C-alpha atoms as a PDB file:
ATOM      1  CA  MET A   1      94.258  10.298 -52.454  1.00  0.00           C
ATOM      2  CA  ILE A   2      91.757   7.791 -52.142  1.00  0.00           C
ATOM      3  CA  ASP A   3      90.566   6.605 -48.304  1.00  0.00           C
ATOM      4  CA  ALA A   4      92.549   3.256 -48.224  1.00  0.00           C
ATOM      5  CA  LYS A   5      90.534   2.411 -45.047  1.00  0.00           C
ATOM      6  CA  ASP A   6      87.511  -0.129 -46.736  1.00  0.00           C
ATOM      7  CA  TYR A   7      90.821  -1.853 -48.513  1.00  0.00           C
ATOM      8  CA  THR A   8      92.672  -5.235 -47.153  1.00  0.00           C
ATOM      9  CA  LYS A   9      96.311  -4.690 -46.781  1.00  0.00           C
ATOM     10  CA  ASP A  10      97.099  -7.293 -49.133  1.00  0.00           C
ATOM     11  CA  GLN A  11      94.881  -5.149 -51.829  1.00  0.00           C
ATOM     12  CA  ILE A  12      96.980  -2.141 -50.798  1.00  0.00           C
ATOM     13  CA  GLU A  13     100.392  -3.545 -51.314  1.00  0.00           C
ATOM     14  CA  GLU A  14      98.913  -5.159 -55.173  1.00  0.00           C
ATOM     15  CA  ASN A  15      97.767  -1.802 -56.254  1.00  0.00           C
ATOM     16  CA  ILE A  16      99.203   0.687 -54.182  1.00  0.00           C
ATOM     17  CA  ASP A  17     100.103   2.729 -57.371  1.00  0.00           C
ATOM     18  CA  HIS A  18      96.320   3.760 -57.162  1.00  0.00           C
ATOM     19  CA  PHE A  19      96.750   4.601 -53.616  1.00  0.00           C
ATOM     20  CA  ILE A  20      99.261   7.016 -54.369  1.00  0.00           C
ATOM     21  CA  ASP A  21      98.483  10.532 -55.037  1.00  0.00           C
ATOM     22  CA  HIS A  22     100.108  11.352 -58.120  1.00  0.00           C
ATOM     23  CA  ASN A  23      98.859  15.048 -58.083  1.00  0.00           C
ATOM     24  CA  GLU A  24     101.595  16.167 -55.940  1.00  0.00           C
ATOM     25  CA  LYS A  25     104.987  17.393 -57.764  1.00  0.00           C
ATOM     26  CA  GLU A  26     108.536  17.355 -56.425  1.00  0.00           C
ATOM     27  CA  MET A  27     109.704  20.513 -56.598  1.00  0.00           C
ATOM     28  CA  LEU A  28     113.296  20.628 -58.600  1.00  0.00           C
ATOM     29  CA  SER A  29     116.094  23.194 -58.631  1.00  0.00           C
ATOM     30  CA  THR A  30     116.616  25.366 -62.184  1.00  0.00           C
ATOM     31  CA  CYS A  31     120.252  24.872 -61.996  1.00  0.00           C
ATOM     32  CA  CYS A  32     120.881  20.648 -61.842  1.00  0.00           C
ATOM     33  CA  GLY A  33     117.332  19.670 -61.601  1.00  0.00           C
ATOM     34  CA  TRP A  34     118.159  17.801 -57.898  1.00  0.00           C
ATOM     35  CA  SER A  35     115.958  18.085 -55.086  1.00  0.00           C
ATOM     36  CA  ALA A  36     116.048  21.389 -51.954  1.00  0.00           C
ATOM     37  CA  LEU A  37     118.906  20.872 -49.552  1.00  0.00           C
ATOM     38  CA  GLY A  38     116.881  21.666 -46.607  1.00  0.00           C
ATOM     39  CA  ASN A  39     113.584  23.926 -46.940  1.00  0.00           C
ATOM     40  CA  LEU A  40     112.211  25.638 -49.900  1.00  0.00           C
ATOM     41  CA  HIS A  41     110.857  29.536 -49.110  1.00  0.00           C
ATOM     42  CA  ASN A  42     108.307  31.134 -51.596  1.00  0.00           C
ATOM     43  CA  ILE A  43     109.155  34.378 -51.922  1.00  0.00           C
ATOM     44  CA  GLU A  44     106.438  36.566 -53.882  1.00  0.00           C
ATOM     45  CA  GLY A  45     105.602  33.412 -56.168  1.00  0.00           C
ATOM     46  CA  THR A  46     109.143  32.064 -56.762  1.00  0.00           C
ATOM     47  CA  TRP A  47     110.375  29.163 -54.424  1.00  0.00           C
ATOM     48  CA  ILE A  48     113.708  30.033 -53.431  1.00  0.00           C
ATOM     49  CA  GLY A  49     116.307  27.442 -51.961  1.00  0.00           C
ATOM     50  CA  LEU A  50     119.557  25.449 -51.733  1.00  0.00           C
ATOM     51  CA  CYS A  51     120.244  22.941 -55.183  1.00  0.00           C
ATOM     52  CA  SER A  52     121.442  18.938 -53.062  1.00  0.00           C
ATOM     53  CA  LYS A  53     124.051  18.867 -55.836  1.00  0.00           C
ATOM     54  CA  CYS A  54     125.805  21.932 -56.199  1.00  0.00           C
ATOM     55  CA  CYS A  55     124.540  23.480 -52.839  1.00  0.00           C
ATOM     56  CA  ASP A  56     124.106  26.985 -54.852  1.00  0.00           C
ATOM     57  CA  HIS A  57     120.923  29.151 -54.170  1.00  0.00           C
ATOM     58  CA  CYS A  58     118.234  28.735 -56.682  1.00  0.00           C
ATOM     59  CA  ASP A  59     114.896  29.139 -57.953  1.00  0.00           C
ATOM     60  CA  PHE A  60     112.946  25.814 -57.945  1.00  0.00           C
ATOM     61  CA  GLU A  61     109.919  24.964 -60.225  1.00  0.00           C
ATOM     62  CA  GLU A  62     107.091  21.649 -59.872  1.00  0.00           C
ATOM     63  CA  GLU A  63     108.860  18.910 -62.165  1.00  0.00           C
ATOM     64  CA  GLU A  64     107.152  18.362 -65.375  1.00  0.00           C
END
């Protein structure tokens, strides 16, 4: 993420996309492709949680 302390509010608003960290990807369910309902748990390298669409337990992967 870019350090925004040396920029004015107007500069940040005009170039907001440059100040957002694009490396952080959302975790999506493998069943429906939706986000998690609540917390995800990493069990032996596999992210597991509840799908916010079907409310079923499933694995989660980073979006592509």
